[in-house]
Amino acid sequence: LRYTKTVLSTGKKNGKTLLASLNCMYGLYLSEVPSPIVCSASTTRENASQIFSSLKSSITRSPTLANITRSIPSKKQIHVDSKQSRYYALSV
């Protein structure tokens, strides 16, 4: 894996959440790293949950992904047990 971190900076209402959720989806399902841990972080729990919600929505629209994915909304986590990958929405 060539890059391990992403810093995204753009103006309001320009698709940052969608792009970040796509990056997280790549890390969860397509990463060649064994047992990947994917995180998104924000200064508030509400903002951190936006990427979680977008990611969860995309997963539930795909029966294939929905069958191999387990989400834990109360903890803002998504687990793909077959790849041992985890997503965490973090806030300070």
Protein backbone atom coordinates (compact mmCIF):
# COMPACT_ATOMS: atom_id res chain seq x y z
CA LEU A 1 0.00 0.00 0.00
CA ARG A 2 1.61 3.21 -1.14
CA TYR A 3 -0.47 5.72 0.84
CA THR A 4 -1.67 5.24 4.39
CA LYS A 5 -3.27 8.63 5.11
CA THR A 6 -5.53 11.02 3.25
CA VAL A 7 -6.05 14.70 3.97
CA LEU A 8 -9.03 16.20 2.15
CA SER A 9 -9.72 19.92 2.11
CA THR A 10 -12.47 21.57 0.08
CA GLY A 11 -15.33 24.03 0.48
CA LYS A 12 -18.77 23.40 1.92
CA LYS A 13 -21.28 21.24 0.03
CA ASN A 14 -18.73 19.87 -2.47
CA GLY A 15 -19.04 16.13 -1.79
CA LYS A 16 -16.44 15.61 0.93
CA THR A 17 -18.65 13.14 2.81
CA LEU A 18 -19.32 11.04 -0.27
CA LEU A 19 -15.66 10.99 -1.25
CA ALA A 20 -14.58 10.09 2.28
CA SER A 21 -17.13 7.27 2.48
CA LEU A 22 -15.88 5.89 -0.85
CA ASN A 23 -12.32 5.94 0.49
CA CYS A 24 -13.50 4.10 3.60
CA MET A 25 -15.35 1.55 1.47
CA TYR A 26 -12.19 0.91 -0.52
CA GLY A 27 -10.27 0.34 2.70
CA LEU A 28 -12.90 -2.03 4.09
CA TYR A 29 -13.45 -4.21 1.04
CA LEU A 30 -10.60 -3.81 -1.45
CA SER A 31 -7.49 -3.09 0.60
CA GLU A 32 -4.75 -5.68 0.31
CA VAL A 33 -3.64 -4.95 3.86
CA PRO A 34 -4.46 -7.81 6.23
CA SER A 35 -7.12 -6.90 8.81
CA PRO A 36 -7.45 -3.23 7.82
CA ILE A 37 -8.66 -0.67 10.33
CA VAL A 38 -10.36 2.30 8.67
CA CYS A 39 -11.19 5.44 10.66
CA SER A 40 -12.86 8.76 9.99
CA ALA A 41 -12.48 11.55 12.51
CA SER A 42 -14.18 14.83 13.27
CA THR A 43 -14.43 17.34 16.07
CA THR A 44 -18.05 16.39 16.89
CA ARG A 45 -19.87 13.05 17.11
CA GLU A 46 -22.58 14.39 14.79
CA ASN A 47 -20.09 15.24 12.03
CA ALA A 48 -18.26 11.94 12.49
CA SER A 49 -21.52 10.07 12.06
CA GLN A 50 -22.17 11.63 8.63
CA ILE A 51 -19.55 9.44 6.96
CA PHE A 52 -20.78 6.41 8.91
CA SER A 53 -24.34 7.08 7.70
CA SER A 54 -23.25 7.53 4.09
CA LEU A 55 -21.16 4.35 4.22
CA LYS A 56 -23.94 2.34 5.86
CA SER A 57 -26.46 3.59 3.30
CA SER A 58 -24.22 2.51 0.42
CA ILE A 59 -23.71 -0.91 1.98
CA THR A 60 -27.41 -1.55 2.56
CA ARG A 61 -28.16 -0.76 -1.10
CA SER A 62 -25.96 -3.65 -2.18
CA PRO A 63 -27.27 -7.10 -1.19
CA THR A 64 -23.80 -8.59 -1.68
CA LEU A 65 -22.13 -6.11 0.68
CA ALA A 66 -25.01 -6.21 3.14
CA ASN A 67 -24.63 -9.98 3.49
CA ILE A 68 -20.95 -9.81 4.48
CA THR A 69 -21.09 -6.65 6.57
CA ARG A 70 -22.16 -6.07 10.16
CA SER A 71 -22.85 -2.54 11.37
CA ILE A 72 -23.05 -1.39 14.97
CA PRO A 73 -24.87 1.98 14.83
CA SER A 74 -24.64 2.67 18.58
CA LYS A 75 -20.83 2.57 18.35
CA LYS A 76 -20.60 3.95 14.79
CA GLN A 77 -18.68 0.87 13.67
CA ILE A 78 -18.79 -1.37 10.61
CA HIS A 79 -17.22 -4.83 10.54
CA VAL A 80 -16.43 -7.06 7.57
CA ASP A 81 -15.64 -10.32 9.33
CA SER A 82 -14.54 -12.20 6.19
CA LYS A 83 -11.66 -9.70 5.74
CA GLN A 84 -11.35 -8.92 9.45
CA SER A 85 -11.67 -5.25 8.54
CA ARG A 86 -13.13 -2.61 10.85
CA TYR A 87 -14.40 0.94 10.37
CA TYR A 88 -14.64 3.41 13.25
CA ALA A 89 -16.18 6.90 13.26
CA LEU A 90 -14.17 8.90 15.79
CA SER A 91 -14.69 12.25 17.46
CA VAL A 92 -12.89 14.18 20.16
